[in-house]
Protein backbone atom coordinates (compact mmCIF):
# COMPACT_ATOMS: atom_id res chain seq x y z
CA MET A 1 8.35 109.34 16.06
CA ALA A 2 4.92 108.07 16.96
CA THR A 3 4.81 105.09 19.22
CA ARG A 4 3.34 101.91 17.56
CA LEU A 5 0.89 100.25 19.83
CA SER A 6 0.89 96.44 19.67
CA SER A 7 -1.35 94.02 21.45
CA THR A 8 -2.98 90.63 20.80
CA LYS A 9 -6.40 92.20 20.37
CA LEU A 10 -5.19 94.74 17.84
CA ARG A 11 -3.35 92.08 15.83
CA ALA A 12 -6.40 89.85 15.75
CA LYS A 13 -8.52 92.64 14.22
CA ARG A 14 -6.19 92.65 11.21
CA ILE A 15 -7.08 88.99 10.24
CA GLU A 16 -9.80 88.56 7.64
CA LEU A 17 -12.35 86.07 8.99
CA ASP A 18 -13.94 85.29 5.62
CA TYR A 19 -10.75 84.46 3.72
CA PHE A 20 -11.86 80.87 3.11
CA ALA A 21 -14.95 81.99 1.23
CA ARG A 22 -13.02 83.99 -1.34
CA ARG A 23 -12.11 82.28 -4.60
CA HIS A 24 -8.50 81.22 -4.94
CA PRO A 25 -6.77 79.50 -7.91
CA LEU A 26 -5.24 76.70 -5.84
CA ARG A 27 -8.48 75.84 -4.09
CA THR A 28 -10.38 75.94 -7.37
CA TRP A 29 -8.02 73.50 -9.06
CA ARG A 30 -8.14 71.17 -6.07
CA VAL A 31 -11.92 70.90 -6.32
CA VAL A 32 -11.79 70.44 -10.10
CA LEU A 33 -9.20 67.67 -9.88
CA SER A 34 -11.11 65.87 -7.12
CA LEU A 35 -14.32 65.83 -9.14
CA ALA A 36 -12.44 64.72 -12.23
CA GLY A 37 -10.89 61.84 -10.29
CA LEU A 38 -14.35 60.61 -9.39
CA ALA A 39 -15.90 61.21 -12.80
CA LEU A 40 -13.25 59.64 -15.01
CA PRO A 41 -13.65 56.05 -13.69
CA GLY A 42 -17.38 56.34 -14.15
CA LEU A 43 -16.94 57.59 -17.71
CA TRP A 44 -14.48 54.78 -18.44
CA VAL A 45 -16.91 52.12 -17.16
CA THR A 46 -19.70 53.64 -19.24
CA ARG A 47 -17.46 53.66 -22.30
CA GLU A 48 -16.57 50.01 -21.82
CA LEU A 49 -20.23 49.08 -21.45
CA VAL A 50 -20.93 50.69 -24.77
CA ARG A 51 -17.85 49.25 -26.51
CA ASN A 52 -18.48 45.77 -25.08
CA ASP A 53 -14.74 44.99 -25.29
CA GLN A 54 -13.75 42.28 -22.80
CA ARG A 55 -10.00 42.67 -23.13
CA SER A 56 -9.85 46.09 -21.51
CA VAL A 57 -11.69 44.96 -18.36
CA GLU A 58 -10.30 41.45 -17.98
CA PRO A 59 -9.34 41.21 -14.26
CA GLY A 60 -6.50 38.79 -14.95
CA PRO A 61 -5.48 35.64 -16.80
CA VAL A 62 -7.35 32.40 -16.14
CA SER A 63 -5.69 29.34 -14.65
CA VAL A 64 -3.91 26.78 -16.79
CA ALA A 65 -6.80 24.31 -16.49
CA HIS A 66 -9.23 26.90 -17.90
CA SER A 67 -6.95 28.32 -20.58
CA LEU A 68 -9.10 26.60 -23.20
CA PHE A 69 -11.89 29.04 -22.31
CA GLY A 70 -9.70 32.08 -21.73
CA ASN A 71 -11.29 34.09 -24.56
CA ARG A 72 -14.85 32.83 -24.12
CA CYS A 73 -16.44 34.35 -21.05
CA THR A 74 -19.78 32.70 -21.81
CA ALA A 75 -18.31 29.31 -20.90
CA CYS A 76 -18.54 30.25 -17.21
CA HIS A 77 -20.39 33.56 -17.01
CA SER A 78 -23.61 32.55 -18.67
CA GLU A 79 -26.08 33.22 -15.88
CA PRO A 80 -26.41 36.08 -13.40
CA ALA A 81 -25.44 35.05 -9.90
CA VAL A 82 -28.40 37.10 -8.52
CA GLN A 83 -31.59 37.77 -10.44
CA PRO A 84 -32.10 41.53 -10.97
CA THR A 85 -35.00 43.35 -9.40
CA ALA A 86 -37.93 44.57 -11.48
CA ALA A 87 -36.53 48.09 -11.50
CA ALA A 88 -33.12 46.93 -12.69
CA ALA A 89 -34.40 44.36 -15.19
CA PRO A 90 -34.30 46.71 -18.25
CA LEU A 91 -30.70 47.65 -17.47
CA ALA A 92 -29.75 43.99 -16.92
CA ARG A 93 -31.21 43.05 -20.28
CA SER A 94 -29.24 45.77 -21.99
CA LEU A 95 -25.99 44.66 -20.36
CA ASP A 96 -25.72 41.28 -22.02
CA HIS A 97 -21.94 41.03 -21.81
CA PRO A 98 -21.05 38.03 -19.63
CA ARG A 99 -18.18 39.67 -17.78
CA TRP A 100 -20.60 41.43 -15.46
CA LEU A 101 -22.16 38.13 -14.33
CA GLY A 102 -20.71 35.96 -11.61
CA ALA A 103 -19.77 32.32 -12.22
CA THR A 104 -22.32 30.08 -10.49
CA ASP A 105 -21.90 26.57 -9.09
CA ALA A 106 -24.18 25.33 -11.86
CA ALA A 107 -21.74 26.67 -14.45
CA CYS A 108 -18.84 24.88 -12.74
CA ARG A 109 -20.72 21.58 -12.50
CA ARG A 110 -21.34 21.54 -16.23
CA CYS A 111 -17.76 20.28 -16.47
CA HIS A 112 -16.84 19.28 -12.92
CA ASP A 113 -18.80 16.42 -11.37
CA ALA A 114 -17.42 17.19 -7.92
CA ALA A 115 -18.44 15.29 -4.82
CA ASP A 116 -19.45 16.97 -1.59
CA HIS A 117 -16.90 17.55 1.15
CA GLU A 118 -18.65 15.95 4.12
CA THR A 119 -22.19 14.62 4.36
CA ASN A 120 -22.66 16.19 7.79
CA GLN A 121 -21.59 19.73 6.93
CA THR A 122 -24.22 22.36 7.62
CA ASP A 123 -23.37 24.58 4.67
CA ALA A 124 -21.20 24.31 1.60
CA PRO A 125 -19.23 27.27 0.24
CA SER A 126 -19.65 28.19 -3.40
CA CYS A 127 -17.08 27.01 -5.92
CA ALA A 128 -15.81 30.53 -6.63
CA SER A 129 -15.35 31.33 -2.94
CA CYS A 130 -12.48 28.82 -2.75
CA HIS A 131 -11.35 28.58 -6.38
CA THR A 132 -10.91 32.23 -7.35
CA GLU A 133 -10.27 32.72 -11.05
CA HIS A 134 -8.55 35.56 -12.91
CA ARG A 135 -5.82 35.84 -10.29
CA GLY A 136 -3.04 34.37 -12.36
CA GLN A 137 -3.05 31.10 -10.38
CA ARG A 138 -1.66 28.17 -12.27
CA VAL A 139 -3.50 25.60 -10.14
CA LEU A 140 -6.92 26.39 -8.72
CA ARG A 141 -6.68 23.35 -6.43
CA GLN A 142 -4.24 25.22 -4.23
CA VAL A 143 -6.86 26.75 -1.99
CA SER A 144 -5.82 29.20 0.68
CA THR A 145 -5.47 27.68 4.15
CA ALA A 146 -7.56 30.54 5.52
CA ARG A 147 -10.55 29.15 3.62
CA CYS A 148 -10.18 25.78 5.35
CA VAL A 149 -9.69 27.28 8.80
CA GLN A 150 -12.97 29.20 8.50
CA CYS A 151 -14.76 25.91 9.15
CA HIS A 152 -12.11 23.70 10.74
CA GLY A 153 -11.24 26.40 13.25
CA GLU A 154 -14.67 25.87 14.83
CA LEU A 155 -16.10 22.59 13.61
CA GLU A 156 -19.04 22.45 16.02
CA ALA A 157 -20.66 25.37 14.22
CA HIS A 158 -20.35 23.71 10.81
CA ALA A 159 -21.23 20.05 11.47
CA ARG A 160 -24.65 18.52 12.08
CA SER A 161 -23.60 15.44 13.99
CA LEU A 162 -20.39 13.45 14.38
CA ILE A 163 -17.11 15.32 13.96
CA ARG A 164 -14.62 13.00 12.30
CA VAL A 165 -11.30 14.73 13.05
CA VAL A 166 -9.60 12.67 15.76
CA GLY A 167 -8.04 14.26 18.83
CA SER A 168 -5.16 13.05 20.99
CA ASP A 169 -7.56 11.45 23.45
CA GLY A 170 -9.50 9.61 20.74
CA ARG A 171 -12.34 12.12 20.77
CA ALA A 172 -13.14 14.54 17.99
CA VAL A 173 -11.09 17.68 17.51
CA GLN A 174 -13.30 20.73 17.91
CA GLY A 175 -11.04 23.01 15.92
CA LEU A 176 -7.49 23.84 14.92
CA ALA A 177 -6.58 26.01 17.87
CA ASP A 178 -3.47 23.91 18.53
CA GLY A 179 -2.56 23.51 14.88
CA HIS A 180 -2.73 20.34 12.82
CA PRO A 181 -3.48 17.28 14.99
CA GLU A 182 -1.24 14.23 14.91
CA PHE A 183 -1.92 11.86 12.01
CA ALA A 184 -4.65 9.28 12.60
CA VAL A 185 -4.54 5.93 10.80
CA TRP A 186 -7.33 3.48 10.01
CA VAL A 187 -6.92 0.30 12.05
CA GLY A 188 -8.99 -2.78 11.25
CA ARG A 189 -11.64 -3.33 8.63
CA GLY A 190 -15.39 -3.58 8.40
CA PRO A 191 -17.55 -2.65 11.42
CA GLU A 192 -14.53 -2.84 13.72
CA ALA A 193 -12.49 -0.29 11.76
CA SER A 194 -11.54 2.82 13.68
CA ARG A 195 -9.19 5.77 13.37
CA VAL A 196 -6.44 6.04 15.96
CA ARG A 197 -3.84 8.77 16.26
CA LEU A 198 -0.21 7.78 16.07
CA ASP A 199 0.52 9.48 19.39
CA ALA A 200 -2.24 7.60 21.21
CA THR A 201 -1.49 5.53 24.33
CA PRO A 202 -1.21 2.63 23.82
CA ALA A 203 0.13 3.11 20.32
CA PRO A 204 -2.06 1.79 17.49
CA ALA A 205 -1.10 -1.65 16.21
CA ASP A 206 -1.28 -3.12 12.74
CA ARG A 207 -3.93 -5.84 12.91
CA ALA A 208 -2.89 -7.52 9.69
CA GLN A 209 -2.83 -11.31 10.07
CA VAL A 210 0.56 -11.81 8.48
CA ARG A 211 4.00 -12.18 10.04
CA LEU A 212 6.69 -9.86 8.72
CA ASN A 213 9.95 -8.69 10.24
CA HIS A 214 11.29 -5.65 8.36
CA GLU A 215 14.47 -5.54 10.41
CA LEU A 216 15.32 -9.13 9.50
CA HIS A 217 14.64 -8.63 5.79
CA LEU A 218 16.97 -5.62 5.64
CA LYS A 219 19.95 -7.43 7.13
CA PRO A 220 22.92 -8.09 4.81
CA GLY A 221 23.85 -11.56 3.64
CA LEU A 222 20.38 -13.09 3.42
CA ARG A 223 19.74 -16.31 1.55
CA GLY A 224 18.39 -15.49 -1.87
CA PRO A 225 16.89 -17.44 -4.76
CA ALA A 226 18.03 -21.07 -5.10
CA GLY A 227 19.81 -20.80 -1.76
CA ALA A 228 22.33 -18.24 -3.01
CA GLY A 229 23.75 -16.14 -0.18
CA GLY A 230 24.87 -12.57 0.13
CA VAL A 231 21.58 -10.91 -0.79
CA GLN A 232 20.98 -7.35 0.43
CA LEU A 233 17.34 -6.36 0.09
CA ALA A 234 16.24 -2.76 -0.39
CA CYS A 235 12.83 -1.19 0.18
CA GLY A 236 12.25 -0.97 -3.56
CA ASP A 237 12.53 -4.73 -3.97
CA CYS A 238 9.08 -5.17 -2.42
CA HIS A 239 7.45 -1.74 -2.43
CA GLN A 240 7.03 -0.68 -6.02
CA GLY A 241 4.60 1.32 -8.06
CA PRO A 242 4.01 2.41 -11.65
CA MET A 243 6.65 5.12 -11.26
CA ALA A 244 9.33 2.66 -10.06
CA LEU A 245 12.01 1.21 -12.29
CA SER A 246 10.84 -1.87 -14.15
CA GLY A 247 11.99 -5.33 -13.17
CA VAL A 248 12.10 -7.33 -9.95
CA ARG A 249 15.45 -8.62 -8.75
CA PHE A 250 14.26 -11.73 -6.94
CA ALA A 251 11.15 -12.86 -8.79
CA GLY A 252 10.19 -13.49 -12.39
CA THR A 253 6.75 -11.86 -12.46
CA PRO A 254 6.52 -8.04 -12.61
CA PRO A 255 4.53 -6.35 -9.85
CA PRO A 256 0.89 -5.57 -10.61
CA VAL A 257 -0.43 -2.06 -11.05
CA PRO A 258 -3.01 -1.13 -8.39
CA SER A 259 -6.55 -1.05 -9.65
CA PRO A 260 -9.90 -0.02 -8.16
CA GLY A 261 -10.57 -3.71 -7.55
CA ASP A 262 -7.45 -4.00 -5.37
CA ALA A 263 -7.89 -0.63 -3.69
CA PRO A 264 -11.42 0.80 -3.81
CA ASP A 265 -10.23 4.07 -2.26
CA LEU A 266 -7.78 4.74 -5.11
CA ILE A 267 -9.09 6.70 -8.05
CA PRO A 268 -7.32 6.32 -11.42
CA ALA A 269 -5.78 9.78 -11.24
CA GLU A 270 -4.08 8.90 -7.95
CA GLU A 271 -2.73 5.45 -8.76
CA PRO A 272 0.76 6.52 -9.94
CA SER A 273 1.34 8.23 -6.59
CA TYR A 274 0.96 5.12 -4.46
CA MET A 275 2.80 1.85 -4.11
CA ALA A 276 1.49 -1.31 -5.70
CA PRO A 277 0.38 -4.02 -3.27
CA VAL A 278 3.06 -6.52 -2.29
CA ARG A 279 2.40 -9.86 -3.98
CA PHE A 280 3.89 -13.24 -3.12
CA VAL A 281 4.57 -14.22 -6.74
CA SER A 282 6.22 -10.90 -7.59
CA HIS A 283 8.17 -10.13 -4.44
CA CYS A 284 8.43 -13.18 -2.16
CA ALA A 285 8.52 -16.35 -4.25
CA GLY A 286 12.10 -15.83 -5.38
CA CYS A 287 13.42 -16.34 -1.85
CA HIS A 288 10.49 -18.28 -0.35
CA PRO A 289 9.44 -20.85 -2.99
CA ASN A 290 6.42 -23.01 -2.24
CA THR A 291 8.26 -26.26 -3.07
CA PHE A 292 6.72 -29.44 -1.69
CA ASP A 293 8.54 -32.34 -3.38
CA ALA A 294 11.94 -32.86 -4.99
CA ARG A 295 10.17 -34.46 -7.95
CA PHE A 296 8.56 -31.05 -8.68
CA ALA A 297 11.53 -28.75 -8.12
CA ASP A 298 10.37 -26.39 -10.88
CA LEU A 299 6.67 -26.57 -10.01
CA PRO A 300 5.96 -24.84 -6.67
CA ALA A 301 2.55 -24.97 -5.08
CA PRO A 302 0.32 -21.98 -5.81
CA HIS A 303 0.01 -19.19 -3.28
CA ASP A 304 -3.72 -19.58 -2.80
CA ARG A 305 -6.41 -20.99 -0.51
CA PRO A 306 -5.80 -24.45 1.00
CA GLU A 307 -8.62 -25.90 -1.14
CA VAL A 308 -6.90 -24.68 -4.29
CA ILE A 309 -3.55 -26.05 -3.14
CA HIS A 310 -5.16 -29.42 -2.36
CA ALA A 311 -6.65 -29.65 -5.86
CA PHE A 312 -3.31 -28.62 -7.38
CA LEU A 313 -1.42 -31.34 -5.49
CA ARG A 314 -3.86 -34.06 -6.51
CA GLY A 315 -3.57 -33.01 -10.15
CA ALA A 316 0.23 -32.80 -10.01
CA TYR A 317 0.66 -36.31 -8.56
CA ALA A 318 -2.00 -37.84 -10.81
CA ASN A 319 -0.24 -36.45 -13.88
CA TYR A 320 3.07 -37.67 -12.54
CA LEU A 321 1.80 -41.26 -12.41
CA VAL A 322 1.07 -41.25 -16.12
CA THR A 323 4.79 -41.48 -16.89
CA HIS A 324 5.96 -43.02 -13.58
CA ALA A 325 3.73 -46.04 -13.01
CA ASP A 326 6.64 -47.88 -11.36
CA GLU A 327 6.12 -45.62 -8.33
CA LEU A 328 3.14 -47.82 -7.41
CA VAL A 329 5.47 -50.76 -6.60
CA ASP A 330 6.76 -50.90 -3.04
CA PRO A 331 10.56 -51.11 -3.55
CA ARG A 332 11.27 -52.27 0.00
CA ARG A 333 9.38 -55.54 -0.34
CA SER A 334 11.10 -56.31 -3.66
CA LEU A 335 14.57 -55.94 -2.16
CA LEU A 336 13.72 -58.40 0.63
CA GLY A 337 12.64 -61.01 -1.90
CA ARG A 338 9.06 -60.87 -0.83
CA GLU A 339 6.05 -60.58 -3.03
CA THR A 340 5.87 -57.14 -4.52
CA THR A 341 3.00 -54.91 -3.53
CA VAL A 342 1.29 -52.67 -5.98
CA GLN A 343 -0.68 -49.71 -4.58
CA SER A 344 -3.74 -48.36 -6.24
CA ALA A 345 -3.32 -45.05 -7.99
CA ASP A 346 -5.80 -43.28 -5.68
CA ALA A 347 -4.09 -44.60 -2.56
CA TRP A 348 -0.68 -43.53 -3.82
CA VAL A 349 -1.92 -40.04 -4.74
CA ASN A 350 -3.62 -39.67 -1.35
CA ASP A 351 -0.41 -40.62 0.47
CA GLN A 352 1.69 -38.17 -1.54
CA VAL A 353 -0.82 -35.35 -1.13
CA ARG A 354 -0.95 -35.97 2.61
CA GLU A 355 2.82 -35.76 2.93
CA ALA A 356 3.01 -32.62 0.80
CA GLU A 357 0.25 -30.89 2.79
CA THR A 358 1.94 -31.82 6.05
CA LEU A 359 5.09 -30.13 4.79
CA LEU A 360 3.32 -27.02 3.48
CA PHE A 361 0.82 -26.47 6.30
CA ARG A 362 2.62 -27.89 9.36
CA ASP A 363 6.23 -26.90 8.78
CA PRO A 364 6.84 -23.55 10.56
CA LYS A 365 9.15 -22.44 7.73
CA ARG A 366 6.52 -22.80 4.99
CA CYS A 367 3.02 -21.27 5.00
CA GLN A 368 3.08 -20.67 8.75
CA GLU A 369 6.17 -18.51 8.42
CA CYS A 370 3.93 -15.67 7.24
CA HIS A 371 0.31 -16.76 7.62
CA VAL A 372 -1.87 -17.54 10.64
CA LEU A 373 -3.34 -21.05 10.20
CA SER A 374 -5.92 -22.78 12.34
CA TRP A 375 -7.61 -26.19 12.15
CA GLU A 376 -11.23 -26.78 12.98
CA PRO A 377 -12.01 -30.02 14.86
CA GLY A 378 -11.97 -32.89 12.35
CA ALA A 379 -10.85 -30.68 9.45
CA VAL A 380 -8.15 -31.92 7.11
CA LEU A 381 -7.27 -28.53 5.64
CA PRO A 382 -6.45 -25.44 7.71
CA THR A 383 -8.22 -22.10 7.72
CA VAL A 384 -6.05 -19.13 6.76
CA ALA A 385 -6.80 -15.87 8.58
CA PRO A 386 -7.41 -13.03 6.10
CA THR A 387 -4.30 -10.87 5.97
CA GLU A 388 -6.23 -7.56 5.79
CA LEU A 389 -3.22 -5.58 4.69
CA PRO A 390 -4.30 -1.93 4.33
CA VAL A 391 -3.72 -0.31 0.97
CA ARG A 392 -3.77 3.22 2.35
CA TRP A 393 -3.28 4.13 5.97
CA LEU A 394 -4.40 7.75 5.51
CA PRO A 395 -7.28 7.76 3.01
CA GLN A 396 -8.34 11.24 4.17
CA SER A 397 -5.20 12.68 2.59
CA ARG A 398 -3.16 12.21 -0.54
CA PHE A 399 0.54 11.60 -0.98
CA ASP A 400 2.80 11.40 -4.02
CA HIS A 401 5.76 9.04 -3.66
CA GLY A 402 7.02 10.20 -7.04
CA THR A 403 7.49 13.76 -5.79
CA HIS A 404 9.41 12.48 -2.76
CA ARG A 405 11.50 9.92 -4.65
CA LEU A 406 14.78 11.74 -3.93
CA LEU A 407 14.43 10.95 -0.22
CA ALA A 408 15.59 7.68 1.29
CA CYS A 409 12.62 5.55 2.36
CA THR A 410 13.98 5.28 5.90
CA GLU A 411 13.77 9.06 6.34
CA CYS A 412 10.02 8.64 6.77
CA HIS A 413 9.55 4.90 7.49
CA ALA A 414 11.47 3.35 10.40
CA ALA A 415 11.63 -0.10 8.80
CA PRO A 416 15.21 -1.03 9.87
CA ALA A 417 14.15 -0.95 13.54
CA SER A 418 10.82 -2.78 13.13
CA GLU A 419 10.79 -6.41 14.26
CA ARG A 420 7.02 -6.86 14.61
CA THR A 421 4.12 -6.86 12.19
CA GLU A 422 2.21 -4.74 14.69
CA ASP A 423 4.52 -1.78 14.08
CA ILE A 424 2.84 0.91 11.98
CA LEU A 425 5.63 2.46 9.95
CA MET A 426 3.83 5.64 8.96
CA PRO A 427 5.68 8.94 9.51
CA ARG A 428 4.55 11.24 12.28
CA ARG A 429 3.43 14.81 11.76
CA ALA A 430 6.78 16.16 12.98
CA THR A 431 8.57 14.26 10.22
CA CYS A 432 6.57 16.02 7.51
CA GLN A 433 6.91 19.39 9.21
CA ARG A 434 10.69 19.22 8.93
CA CYS A 435 10.22 20.18 5.26
CA HIS A 436 6.65 21.47 5.09
CA HIS A 437 6.53 24.69 7.08
CA ALA A 438 6.36 28.42 6.56
CA GLY A 439 9.36 29.36 4.46
CA GLY A 440 9.91 25.77 3.33
CA ALA A 441 7.85 23.37 1.24
CA SER A 442 4.16 24.19 0.94
CA ASP A 443 2.22 23.70 4.16
CA ARG A 444 -1.23 24.76 2.98
CA CYS A 445 -4.10 22.37 3.75
CA SER A 446 -4.74 21.68 0.06
CA GLU A 447 -1.24 20.24 -0.29
CA CYS A 448 -2.40 17.01 1.36
CA HIS A 449 -6.19 17.21 1.65
CA THR A 450 -8.86 17.16 -1.03
CA TYR A 451 -12.10 18.94 -0.31
CA HIS A 452 -14.02 17.00 -2.95
CA GLY A 453 -13.26 13.46 -1.85
CA VAL A 454 -13.65 10.81 -4.57
CA THR A 455 -13.73 7.26 -3.22
CA GLY A 456 -14.65 5.25 -6.30
CA PRO A 457 -13.74 4.83 -9.94
CA VAL A 458 -14.54 7.76 -12.19
CA GLU A 459 -16.42 7.64 -15.46
CA MET A 460 -13.94 7.71 -18.34
CA ASN A 461 -16.53 8.20 -21.11
CA GLY A 462 -17.94 11.61 -20.30
CA GLY A 463 -19.85 12.06 -23.54
CA ARG A 464 -18.60 15.57 -24.34
CA VAL A 465 -17.42 16.47 -27.83
CA ILE A 466 -14.54 18.76 -28.77
CA ALA A 467 -16.66 21.00 -30.96
CA ARG A 468 -18.98 21.83 -28.06
CA LEU A 469 -16.07 22.49 -25.73
CA LEU A 470 -14.49 24.84 -28.26
CA ASP A 471 -17.86 26.40 -29.08
CA GLU A 472 -17.39 25.56 -32.73
CA PRO A 473 -20.34 25.47 -35.18
């Protein structure tokens, strides 16, 4: 038997070096399928351009707010986002279907009269960059936090001058590297108003010129209307809003609904979310009546300026004399057998008004129990310091009490431990983060902050007609 020689060199000579160049069924089909995979999408797009059928290329359903225009692309896509070049102009004219045109800010502002975000921002993103349609979102207002961080992560690069986000040291926050800063409240009014963080040292103080002890008012067994004891007040007895249950337990006048006149920073759409201002007639008068004379037990003095109270007292006593002229006779001199003395009506009214005003303005348990009074030299009537009670402590954010109505008020507001008016009973950031965090309640920026801040009343008569909105003839 012949010996078979075997070596690496001999085995290598047996390999065909041009095998890849020969045609093979598997390689042929692979090339054909690859080209078909590239050609079919192009053919499908061309077919849809010719058919002009929007349903087959719709990227997704519109949001609930835009469902009225879900089948009318021209409502938003009526202008090209970028003008075509001269070479592409013929093709652009032939492709008149609106789905190939981007929605511009001008198209959005035909319906949305949105305010700017900040007057000192260097650039403003387009509407569609934050509010992305055709993604099945129910609420376009829920903007991704990543969009907000693009600017707020490095504010110096996006602001022309003053940065308004307050840091722990009172200076502006330059970004969100450490997460959301502690809440900052507005303290004071007018030129002296400033924003101070709740974790500042010293802690911010409520500058309202009114005396109120929350801890005392929440104690059991308080004296109630007409001196009745055993009253237990609750937060809802004073802090009420349009969403609260009707009726006031300790007063006869229902609480007012907040209006732009009472709170210029509340817009009509936000009013149901906030508490109505506390009013003396609605919430305080039941337990703290402004009585001034036993002869007028059912006619308390008005809760108003001292000048108004003075005029009220003079009118009340003058009217009283009409049916009680015998009050002008000095009864003491008659009992002693002396000549009776008859006062003039004006003198009697002046004496009674003086006594009533002494009781109302000088007694520490009357007007001074809540208000800060001062007397100018030689003045008869006091000057009442404006209370300056804030309507909203955090106007840069929004909050809905109705959504949080299942929680006890004291979970967020430490009223039972507050003995001073200076205590600001707003919750800290950590309180909100107990529920609002990743994996819990929503913690996106848009949950509390509005990019398009509206600080005044909105126009309720927009002038649009239904036929135009529906594109009817």
